[in-house]
Amino acid sequence: MTEESRQSAAPVPAWVDAYLERIGAARPAQADAAALRELQFRHLTAVPFENLSIHLGEDIVLDEERLVNKIVKDRRGGFCYELNGAFAAMLCALGFRVTLLQARVFGDGGRLGIPFDHVALRVETDDGTGPWLADVGFGDHALRPLVLDAGTEQDDPCGTFRFREAPQGDLDLLRDGSRQFRLDLRPRVLADFRAGSWYHRTSPDSHFARSPVCSRRTEDGRVTLRGRTLITTERGERDETELDDDAEVFAAYRDHFGLTLTRLPTERPALTT
């Protein structure tokens, strides 16, 4: 399968139903905007954003089949390249027309990150709405897909979002007035993101390489395990708990994120690839 659109009449692969079961969603009757909203919400509340593979010494291979298997068979999550790569595969199989886009994330002081810092999805639907920006790999972000249109303010449970024109035909995404990332609208493929993935796995400047983190949207807020600190936010109220015992950490991964680990992620082991 390519990163570009598939024909909606094509047979749906067997793994799609397993993927839908993983995120607690029914197979949509058509590839429309309502279905896209439901699928994004279900994905965000079921599959955690996590960088544990980096801190467990596991390979991260940007291959569609392997990304899907990690989420469906291994019942894991991932970071942006993995989550949006797998989500794109499922959307295409369901008849959505999907294009991968690269983005550079704004950091401290408004400094832009590396090229291919982030992958997001341009999605076209059968009902003629959009096009949409879908994203299940940016952590605390919009719950709903955003209309890919400069200038229009879009209200979401996570804030007010707006695209603003940027140099060279790019778009800056703002959340409550703060710049999130700069989006390049040229089509990409998964292989284009290998260098970005390698950087975030290995560079001391990458926050993904510094400590393990696992985070998931909940009905009323968010739950995050950063190292041994469990952070829960419900209706705007934030609570932090330090987990001193390994058994508590294993239980937090299991109970809050559905992850059954055989060992705990700690400092990043040396990578062999």
C-alpha atoms as a PDB file:
ATOM      1  CA  MET A   1       0.000   0.000   0.000  1.00  0.00           C
ATOM      2  CA  THR A   2       1.253   3.505  -0.789  1.00  0.00           C
ATOM      3  CA  GLU A   3       0.841   6.563   1.405  1.00  0.00           C
ATOM      4  CA  GLU A   4      -1.588   7.966  -1.163  1.00  0.00           C
ATOM      5  CA  SER A   5      -5.253   7.143  -1.333  1.00  0.00           C
ATOM      6  CA  ARG A   6      -6.773   3.761  -1.945  1.00  0.00           C
ATOM      7  CA  GLN A   7      -9.990   3.129  -3.757  1.00  0.00           C
ATOM      8  CA  SER A   8     -12.905   2.793  -1.333  1.00  0.00           C
ATOM      9  CA  ALA A   9     -14.188  -0.227  -3.268  1.00  0.00           C
ATOM     10  CA  ALA A  10     -11.057  -2.244  -2.484  1.00  0.00           C
ATOM     11  CA  PRO A  11     -11.530  -5.137  -0.031  1.00  0.00           C
ATOM     12  CA  VAL A  12     -10.840  -4.203   3.571  1.00  0.00           C
ATOM     13  CA  PRO A  13      -7.843  -6.184   4.924  1.00  0.00           C
ATOM     14  CA  ALA A  14      -8.503  -8.579   7.800  1.00  0.00           C
ATOM     15  CA  TRP A  15      -6.267  -6.640  10.193  1.00  0.00           C
ATOM     16  CA  VAL A  16      -8.497  -3.560   9.993  1.00  0.00           C
ATOM     17  CA  ASP A  17     -11.195  -5.092  12.206  1.00  0.00           C
ATOM     18  CA  ALA A  18      -8.540  -6.023  14.771  1.00  0.00           C
ATOM     19  CA  TYR A  19      -7.284  -2.433  14.671  1.00  0.00           C
ATOM     20  CA  LEU A  20     -10.822  -1.105  15.136  1.00  0.00           C
ATOM     21  CA  GLU A  21     -11.306  -3.479  18.080  1.00  0.00           C
ATOM     22  CA  ARG A  22      -8.066  -2.166  19.590  1.00  0.00           C
ATOM     23  CA  ILE A  23      -9.395   1.395  19.596  1.00  0.00           C
ATOM     24  CA  GLY A  24     -12.982   0.475  20.485  1.00  0.00           C
ATOM     25  CA  ALA A  25     -14.510   1.669  17.202  1.00  0.00           C
ATOM     26  CA  ALA A  26     -17.003   0.151  14.797  1.00  0.00           C
ATOM     27  CA  ARG A  27     -16.239  -0.091  11.087  1.00  0.00           C
ATOM     28  CA  PRO A  28     -17.663   3.110   9.549  1.00  0.00           C
ATOM     29  CA  ALA A  29     -20.328   2.848   6.877  1.00  0.00           C
ATOM     30  CA  GLN A  30     -18.539   5.442   4.760  1.00  0.00           C
ATOM     31  CA  ALA A  31     -15.311   7.422   4.794  1.00  0.00           C
ATOM     32  CA  ASP A  32     -16.855  10.739   5.810  1.00  0.00           C
ATOM     33  CA  ALA A  33     -15.929  13.505   8.243  1.00  0.00           C
ATOM     34  CA  ALA A  34     -18.061  12.098  11.059  1.00  0.00           C
ATOM     35  CA  ALA A  35     -16.263   8.758  10.814  1.00  0.00           C
ATOM     36  CA  LEU A  36     -12.869  10.481  10.775  1.00  0.00           C
ATOM     37  CA  ARG A  37     -13.744  12.427  13.930  1.00  0.00           C
ATOM     38  CA  GLU A  38     -14.843   9.252  15.695  1.00  0.00           C
ATOM     39  CA  LEU A  39     -11.753   7.304  14.654  1.00  0.00           C
ATOM     40  CA  GLN A  40      -9.361  10.043  15.778  1.00  0.00           C
ATOM     41  CA  PHE A  41     -11.084  10.405  19.146  1.00  0.00           C
ATOM     42  CA  ARG A  42     -11.147   6.650  19.724  1.00  0.00           C
ATOM     43  CA  HIS A  43      -7.483   6.331  18.789  1.00  0.00           C
ATOM     44  CA  LEU A  44      -6.416   9.123  21.133  1.00  0.00           C
ATOM     45  CA  THR A  45      -8.303   7.659  24.092  1.00  0.00           C
ATOM     46  CA  ALA A  46      -7.216   4.046  23.501  1.00  0.00           C
ATOM     47  CA  VAL A  47      -3.637   4.063  22.192  1.00  0.00           C
ATOM     48  CA  PRO A  48      -0.988   5.820  24.276  1.00  0.00           C
ATOM     49  CA  PHE A  49       1.600   8.225  23.018  1.00  0.00           C
ATOM     50  CA  GLU A  50       4.827   6.625  24.297  1.00  0.00           C
ATOM     51  CA  ASN A  51       8.557   6.507  23.636  1.00  0.00           C
ATOM     52  CA  LEU A  52       9.245   3.327  25.589  1.00  0.00           C
ATOM     53  CA  SER A  53      10.941   1.509  22.712  1.00  0.00           C
ATOM     54  CA  ILE A  54      13.782   4.038  22.901  1.00  0.00           C
ATOM     55  CA  HIS A  55      14.317   3.204  26.576  1.00  0.00           C
ATOM     56  CA  LEU A  56      13.863  -0.547  26.148  1.00  0.00           C
ATOM     57  CA  GLY A  57      16.425  -0.849  23.361  1.00  0.00           C
ATOM     58  CA  GLU A  58      13.785  -1.896  20.819  1.00  0.00           C
ATOM     59  CA  ASP A  59      14.106  -1.139  17.126  1.00  0.00           C
ATOM     60  CA  ILE A  60      11.740   1.404  15.615  1.00  0.00           C
ATOM     61  CA  VAL A  61      11.227   0.528  11.954  1.00  0.00           C
ATOM     62  CA  LEU A  62       9.060   2.787   9.819  1.00  0.00           C
ATOM     63  CA  ASP A  63       7.396  -0.040   7.940  1.00  0.00           C
ATOM     64  CA  GLU A  64       3.622   0.003   7.680  1.00  0.00           C
ATOM     65  CA  GLU A  65       3.074  -3.641   8.606  1.00  0.00           C
ATOM     66  CA  ARG A  66       5.372  -3.439  11.609  1.00  0.00           C
ATOM     67  CA  LEU A  67       3.753  -0.249  12.859  1.00  0.00           C
ATOM     68  CA  VAL A  68       0.279  -1.756  12.634  1.00  0.00           C
ATOM     69  CA  ASN A  69       1.438  -4.943  14.380  1.00  0.00           C
ATOM     70  CA  LYS A  70       2.937  -2.936  17.223  1.00  0.00           C
ATOM     71  CA  ILE A  71      -0.413  -1.329  17.939  1.00  0.00           C
ATOM     72  CA  VAL A  72      -2.720  -4.242  17.132  1.00  0.00           C
ATOM     73  CA  LYS A  73      -0.800  -7.413  18.058  1.00  0.00           C
ATOM     74  CA  ASP A  74       1.591  -6.051  20.664  1.00  0.00           C
ATOM     75  CA  ARG A  75      -1.073  -3.730  22.171  1.00  0.00           C
ATOM     76  CA  ARG A  76       1.473  -0.909  22.385  1.00  0.00           C
ATOM     77  CA  GLY A  77       1.541   2.758  21.426  1.00  0.00           C
ATOM     78  CA  GLY A  78       4.348   4.818  19.961  1.00  0.00           C
ATOM     79  CA  PHE A  79       5.457   8.311  19.052  1.00  0.00           C
ATOM     80  CA  CYS A  80       4.364  10.415  16.086  1.00  0.00           C
ATOM     81  CA  TYR A  81       5.951   8.458  13.230  1.00  0.00           C
ATOM     82  CA  GLU A  82       4.549   5.189  14.560  1.00  0.00           C
ATOM     83  CA  LEU A  83       1.087   6.358  15.589  1.00  0.00           C
ATOM     84  CA  ASN A  84       0.305   8.476  12.547  1.00  0.00           C
ATOM     85  CA  GLY A  85       1.976   5.938  10.249  1.00  0.00           C
ATOM     86  CA  ALA A  86      -0.287   3.164  11.508  1.00  0.00           C
ATOM     87  CA  PHE A  87      -3.362   5.421  11.638  1.00  0.00           C
ATOM     88  CA  ALA A  88      -2.766   6.408   8.008  1.00  0.00           C
ATOM     89  CA  ALA A  89      -2.673   2.735   7.004  1.00  0.00           C
ATOM     90  CA  MET A  90      -6.019   2.087   8.689  1.00  0.00           C
ATOM     91  CA  LEU A  91      -7.654   5.181   7.207  1.00  0.00           C
ATOM     92  CA  CYS A  92      -6.498   4.252   3.703  1.00  0.00           C
ATOM     93  CA  ALA A  93      -7.824   0.717   4.132  1.00  0.00           C
ATOM     94  CA  LEU A  94     -11.212   2.183   5.099  1.00  0.00           C
ATOM     95  CA  GLY A  95     -11.370   4.316   1.948  1.00  0.00           C
ATOM     96  CA  PHE A  96     -10.051   7.675   3.171  1.00  0.00           C
ATOM     97  CA  ARG A  97      -7.543   9.453   0.935  1.00  0.00           C
ATOM     98  CA  VAL A  98      -4.462  10.147   3.003  1.00  0.00           C
ATOM     99  CA  THR A  99      -1.226  12.025   2.383  1.00  0.00           C
ATOM    100  CA  LEU A 100       1.673  12.182   4.830  1.00  0.00           C
ATOM    101  CA  LEU A 101       2.947  15.683   5.604  1.00  0.00           C
ATOM    102  CA  GLN A 102       6.098  16.714   7.433  1.00  0.00           C
ATOM    103  CA  ALA A 103       6.169  19.372  10.130  1.00  0.00           C
ATOM    104  CA  ARG A 104       8.738  21.159  12.280  1.00  0.00           C
ATOM    105  CA  VAL A 105       7.746  21.677  15.911  1.00  0.00           C
ATOM    106  CA  PHE A 106       8.170  25.054  17.599  1.00  0.00           C
ATOM    107  CA  GLY A 107      10.329  24.736  20.708  1.00  0.00           C
ATOM    108  CA  ASP A 108      11.618  27.096  23.374  1.00  0.00           C
ATOM    109  CA  GLY A 109      11.807  30.687  22.230  1.00  0.00           C
ATOM    110  CA  GLY A 110       9.872  29.878  19.070  1.00  0.00           C
ATOM    111  CA  ARG A 111      12.801  27.986  17.568  1.00  0.00           C
ATOM    112  CA  LEU A 112      11.837  25.477  14.888  1.00  0.00           C
ATOM    113  CA  GLY A 113      12.861  21.856  15.240  1.00  0.00           C
ATOM    114  CA  ILE A 114      14.549  19.719  12.624  1.00  0.00           C
ATOM    115  CA  PRO A 115      12.996  18.963   9.222  1.00  0.00           C
ATOM    116  CA  PHE A 116      10.747  15.877   9.454  1.00  0.00           C
ATOM    117  CA  ASP A 117      10.392  16.566  13.173  1.00  0.00           C
ATOM    118  CA  HIS A 118       6.781  15.389  13.071  1.00  0.00           C
ATOM    119  CA  VAL A 119       4.439  13.590  10.690  1.00  0.00           C
ATOM    120  CA  ALA A 120       0.784  14.600  10.296  1.00  0.00           C
ATOM    121  CA  LEU A 121      -1.960  13.459   7.937  1.00  0.00           C
ATOM    122  CA  ARG A 122      -3.873  15.292   5.236  1.00  0.00           C
ATOM    123  CA  VAL A 123      -7.161  13.417   4.851  1.00  0.00           C
ATOM    124  CA  GLU A 124      -9.852  13.765   2.211  1.00  0.00           C
ATOM    125  CA  THR A 125     -13.303  12.336   2.857  1.00  0.00           C
ATOM    126  CA  ASP A 126     -16.130  11.130   0.625  1.00  0.00           C
ATOM    127  CA  ASP A 127     -18.582  13.812   1.787  1.00  0.00           C
ATOM    128  CA  GLY A 128     -16.600  16.634   0.165  1.00  0.00           C
ATOM    129  CA  THR A 129     -15.688  18.384   3.416  1.00  0.00           C
ATOM    130  CA  GLY A 130     -12.154  19.307   4.391  1.00  0.00           C
ATOM    131  CA  PRO A 131      -9.452  18.533   3.511  1.00  0.00           C
ATOM    132  CA  TRP A 132      -8.658  17.665   7.112  1.00  0.00           C
ATOM    133  CA  LEU A 133      -5.523  17.540   9.220  1.00  0.00           C
ATOM    134  CA  ALA A 134      -5.727  14.373  11.316  1.00  0.00           C
ATOM    135  CA  ASP A 135      -3.149  13.738  14.028  1.00  0.00           C
ATOM    136  CA  VAL A 136      -2.999  11.046  16.722  1.00  0.00           C
ATOM    137  CA  GLY A 137       0.737  11.453  17.342  1.00  0.00           C
ATOM    138  CA  PHE A 138       1.300  14.900  18.862  1.00  0.00           C
ATOM    139  CA  GLY A 139       0.484  14.077  22.473  1.00  0.00           C
ATOM    140  CA  ASP A 140      -1.752  16.708  24.062  1.00  0.00           C
ATOM    141  CA  HIS A 141      -3.364  18.085  20.926  1.00  0.00           C
ATOM    142  CA  ALA A 142      -6.702  18.542  19.179  1.00  0.00           C
ATOM    143  CA  LEU A 143      -9.238  15.808  19.827  1.00  0.00           C
ATOM    144  CA  ARG A 144     -10.894  16.368  16.465  1.00  0.00           C
ATOM    145  CA  PRO A 145      -9.479  16.639  12.949  1.00  0.00           C
ATOM    146  CA  LEU A 146      -8.925  20.233  11.855  1.00  0.00           C
ATOM    147  CA  VAL A 147     -10.033  21.748   8.565  1.00  0.00           C
ATOM    148  CA  LEU A 148      -6.840  22.424   6.644  1.00  0.00           C
ATOM    149  CA  ASP A 149      -7.647  26.053   5.883  1.00  0.00           C
ATOM    150  CA  ALA A 150      -5.650  29.155   6.779  1.00  0.00           C
ATOM    151  CA  GLY A 151      -7.305  31.810   8.897  1.00  0.00           C
ATOM    152  CA  THR A 152     -10.364  30.021  10.265  1.00  0.00           C
ATOM    153  CA  GLU A 153     -10.544  29.616  14.055  1.00  0.00           C
ATOM    154  CA  GLN A 154     -11.627  26.119  15.023  1.00  0.00           C
ATOM    155  CA  ASP A 155     -12.931  25.319  18.489  1.00  0.00           C
ATOM    156  CA  ASP A 156     -11.966  21.972  19.990  1.00  0.00           C
ATOM    157  CA  PRO A 157     -12.277  20.559  23.530  1.00  0.00           C
ATOM    158  CA  CYS A 158      -8.492  21.103  23.799  1.00  0.00           C
ATOM    159  CA  GLY A 159      -8.500  24.748  22.720  1.00  0.00           C
ATOM    160  CA  THR A 160      -8.958  27.075  19.773  1.00  0.00           C
ATOM    161  CA  PHE A 161      -6.864  26.154  16.738  1.00  0.00           C
ATOM    162  CA  ARG A 162      -5.989  28.179  13.663  1.00  0.00           C
ATOM    163  CA  PHE A 163      -3.732  27.763  10.646  1.00  0.00           C
ATOM    164  CA  ARG A 164      -1.714  30.799   9.596  1.00  0.00           C
ATOM    165  CA  GLU A 165       0.188  31.253   6.363  1.00  0.00           C
ATOM    166  CA  ALA A 166       3.970  30.900   6.729  1.00  0.00           C
ATOM    167  CA  PRO A 167       6.938  31.353   4.354  1.00  0.00           C
ATOM    168  CA  GLN A 168       7.366  29.127   1.283  1.00  0.00           C
ATOM    169  CA  GLY A 169       3.712  28.084   1.241  1.00  0.00           C
ATOM    170  CA  ASP A 170       3.828  26.398   4.656  1.00  0.00           C
ATOM    171  CA  LEU A 171       1.184  26.716   7.371  1.00  0.00           C
ATOM    172  CA  ASP A 172       1.758  27.386  11.067  1.00  0.00           C
ATOM    173  CA  LEU A 173      -0.691  25.690  13.416  1.00  0.00           C
ATOM    174  CA  LEU A 174      -1.600  27.790  16.456  1.00  0.00           C
ATOM    175  CA  ARG A 175      -3.336  26.593  19.602  1.00  0.00           C
ATOM    176  CA  ASP A 176      -4.831  29.365  21.738  1.00  0.00           C
ATOM    177  CA  GLY A 177      -2.488  31.768  19.954  1.00  0.00           C
ATOM    178  CA  SER A 178       0.667  29.712  20.590  1.00  0.00           C
ATOM    179  CA  ARG A 179       2.497  28.192  17.612  1.00  0.00           C
ATOM    180  CA  GLN A 180       2.562  24.389  17.670  1.00  0.00           C
ATOM    181  CA  PHE A 181       4.263  23.348  14.439  1.00  0.00           C
ATOM    182  CA  ARG A 182       4.997  24.487  10.874  1.00  0.00           C
ATOM    183  CA  LEU A 183       3.386  22.255   8.287  1.00  0.00           C
ATOM    184  CA  ASP A 184       4.877  21.590   4.848  1.00  0.00           C
ATOM    185  CA  LEU A 185       2.046  20.717   2.441  1.00  0.00           C
ATOM    186  CA  ARG A 186       4.141  18.666  -0.002  1.00  0.00           C
ATOM    187  CA  PRO A 187       3.309  14.909  -0.032  1.00  0.00           C
ATOM    188  CA  ARG A 188       5.744  12.578   1.728  1.00  0.00           C
ATOM    189  CA  VAL A 189       6.206   8.845   2.282  1.00  0.00           C
ATOM    190  CA  LEU A 190       7.155   6.978   5.454  1.00  0.00           C
ATOM    191  CA  ALA A 191      10.744   6.467   4.356  1.00  0.00           C
ATOM    192  CA  ASP A 192      11.240  10.253   4.334  1.00  0.00           C
ATOM    193  CA  PHE A 193      10.924  10.292   8.122  1.00  0.00           C
ATOM    194  CA  ARG A 194      13.693   7.786   8.910  1.00  0.00           C
ATOM    195  CA  ALA A 195      16.292  10.457   9.644  1.00  0.00           C
ATOM    196  CA  GLY A 196      13.897  12.315  11.946  1.00  0.00           C
ATOM    197  CA  SER A 197      13.065   9.119  13.792  1.00  0.00           C
ATOM    198  CA  TRP A 198      16.767   8.295  14.159  1.00  0.00           C
ATOM    199  CA  TYR A 199      17.481  11.788  15.515  1.00  0.00           C
ATOM    200  CA  HIS A 200      14.760  11.567  18.140  1.00  0.00           C
ATOM    201  CA  ARG A 201      15.947   8.116  19.215  1.00  0.00           C
ATOM    202  CA  THR A 202      19.628   9.009  19.546  1.00  0.00           C
ATOM    203  CA  SER A 203      20.301  12.721  19.942  1.00  0.00           C
ATOM    204  CA  PRO A 204      20.942  14.137  23.434  1.00  0.00           C
ATOM    205  CA  ASP A 205      19.039  17.199  22.199  1.00  0.00           C
ATOM    206  CA  SER A 206      15.889  15.143  21.701  1.00  0.00           C
ATOM    207  CA  HIS A 207      13.498  15.180  24.647  1.00  0.00           C
ATOM    208  CA  PHE A 208      12.321  11.704  23.615  1.00  0.00           C
ATOM    209  CA  ALA A 209      15.789  10.323  24.415  1.00  0.00           C
ATOM    210  CA  ARG A 210      15.971  11.862  27.883  1.00  0.00           C
ATOM    211  CA  SER A 211      13.372   9.871  29.804  1.00  0.00           C
ATOM    212  CA  PRO A 212      10.521   7.438  29.201  1.00  0.00           C
ATOM    213  CA  VAL A 213       7.045   8.886  28.884  1.00  0.00           C
ATOM    214  CA  CYS A 214       3.642   7.319  28.304  1.00  0.00           C
ATOM    215  CA  SER A 215       0.503   9.438  27.951  1.00  0.00           C
ATOM    216  CA  ARG A 216      -3.136   8.934  26.982  1.00  0.00           C
ATOM    217  CA  ARG A 217      -6.185  11.136  26.646  1.00  0.00           C
ATOM    218  CA  THR A 218      -9.037  10.218  29.018  1.00  0.00           C
ATOM    219  CA  GLU A 219     -12.715  11.135  29.035  1.00  0.00           C
ATOM    220  CA  ASP A 220     -12.102  14.022  31.461  1.00  0.00           C
ATOM    221  CA  GLY A 221      -8.466  14.917  30.900  1.00  0.00           C
ATOM    222  CA  ARG A 222      -5.175  13.094  30.556  1.00  0.00           C
ATOM    223  CA  VAL A 223      -3.011  10.525  32.316  1.00  0.00           C
ATOM    224  CA  THR A 224       0.781  10.517  31.920  1.00  0.00           C
ATOM    225  CA  LEU A 225       3.590   8.421  33.370  1.00  0.00           C
ATOM    226  CA  ARG A 226       6.873  10.316  33.067  1.00  0.00           C
ATOM    227  CA  GLY A 227       9.638   8.177  34.473  1.00  0.00           C
ATOM    228  CA  ARG A 228       8.160   7.223  37.844  1.00  0.00           C
ATOM    229  CA  THR A 229       5.862  10.227  38.171  1.00  0.00           C
ATOM    230  CA  LEU A 230       2.180   9.547  37.525  1.00  0.00           C
ATOM    231  CA  ILE A 231       0.365  12.698  36.434  1.00  0.00           C
ATOM    232  CA  THR A 232      -3.413  12.781  36.147  1.00  0.00           C
ATOM    233  CA  THR A 233      -5.535  15.701  35.012  1.00  0.00           C
ATOM    234  CA  GLU A 234      -9.300  15.602  35.444  1.00  0.00           C
ATOM    235  CA  ARG A 235     -11.509  18.592  34.615  1.00  0.00           C
ATOM    236  CA  GLY A 236      -8.509  20.884  34.914  1.00  0.00           C
ATOM    237  CA  GLU A 237      -7.335  19.513  38.283  1.00  0.00           C
ATOM    238  CA  ARG A 238      -3.768  18.169  38.177  1.00  0.00           C
ATOM    239  CA  ASP A 239      -2.327  15.579  40.536  1.00  0.00           C
ATOM    240  CA  GLU A 240       1.198  14.115  40.681  1.00  0.00           C
ATOM    241  CA  THR A 241       2.188  10.906  42.477  1.00  0.00           C
ATOM    242  CA  GLU A 242       5.705   9.507  42.799  1.00  0.00           C
ATOM    243  CA  LEU A 243       5.816   5.726  42.346  1.00  0.00           C
ATOM    244  CA  ASP A 244       8.738   4.373  44.373  1.00  0.00           C
ATOM    245  CA  ASP A 245       8.070   0.666  44.010  1.00  0.00           C
ATOM    246  CA  ASP A 246       8.655  -1.180  40.703  1.00  0.00           C
ATOM    247  CA  ALA A 247       5.402  -3.059  41.173  1.00  0.00           C
ATOM    248  CA  GLU A 248       3.521   0.234  41.260  1.00  0.00           C
ATOM    249  CA  VAL A 249       5.151   1.324  38.018  1.00  0.00           C
ATOM    250  CA  PHE A 250       4.291  -1.962  36.280  1.00  0.00           C
ATOM    251  CA  ALA A 251       0.713  -1.616  37.560  1.00  0.00           C
ATOM    252  CA  ALA A 252       0.461   1.978  36.280  1.00  0.00           C
ATOM    253  CA  TYR A 253       1.505   0.911  32.787  1.00  0.00           C
ATOM    254  CA  ARG A 254      -1.033  -1.912  32.894  1.00  0.00           C
ATOM    255  CA  ASP A 255      -3.979  -0.120  34.498  1.00  0.00           C
ATOM    256  CA  HIS A 256      -3.743   3.277  32.800  1.00  0.00           C
ATOM    257  CA  PHE A 257      -2.351   2.357  29.400  1.00  0.00           C
ATOM    258  CA  GLY A 258      -3.077  -1.337  28.889  1.00  0.00           C
ATOM    259  CA  LEU A 259       0.645  -2.122  28.551  1.00  0.00           C
ATOM    260  CA  THR A 260       1.971  -5.376  29.963  1.00  0.00           C
ATOM    261  CA  LEU A 261       5.734  -4.952  30.281  1.00  0.00           C
ATOM    262  CA  THR A 262       8.267  -7.586  31.317  1.00  0.00           C
ATOM    263  CA  ARG A 263      10.838  -4.970  32.327  1.00  0.00           C
ATOM    264  CA  LEU A 264      10.778  -1.276  33.035  1.00  0.00           C
ATOM    265  CA  PRO A 265      12.147   1.338  30.641  1.00  0.00           C
ATOM    266  CA  THR A 266      14.918   3.309  32.265  1.00  0.00           C
ATOM    267  CA  GLU A 267      18.011   4.849  30.720  1.00  0.00           C
ATOM    268  CA  ARG A 268      18.237   4.265  27.009  1.00  0.00           C
ATOM    269  CA  PRO A 269      20.377   1.188  26.223  1.00  0.00           C
ATOM    270  CA  ALA A 270      22.902   1.419  23.408  1.00  0.00           C
ATOM    271  CA  LEU A 271      21.198   0.903  20.037  1.00  0.00           C
ATOM    272  CA  THR A 272      22.509  -1.646  17.564  1.00  0.00           C
ATOM    273  CA  THR A 273      20.961  -0.086  14.434  1.00  0.00           C
END
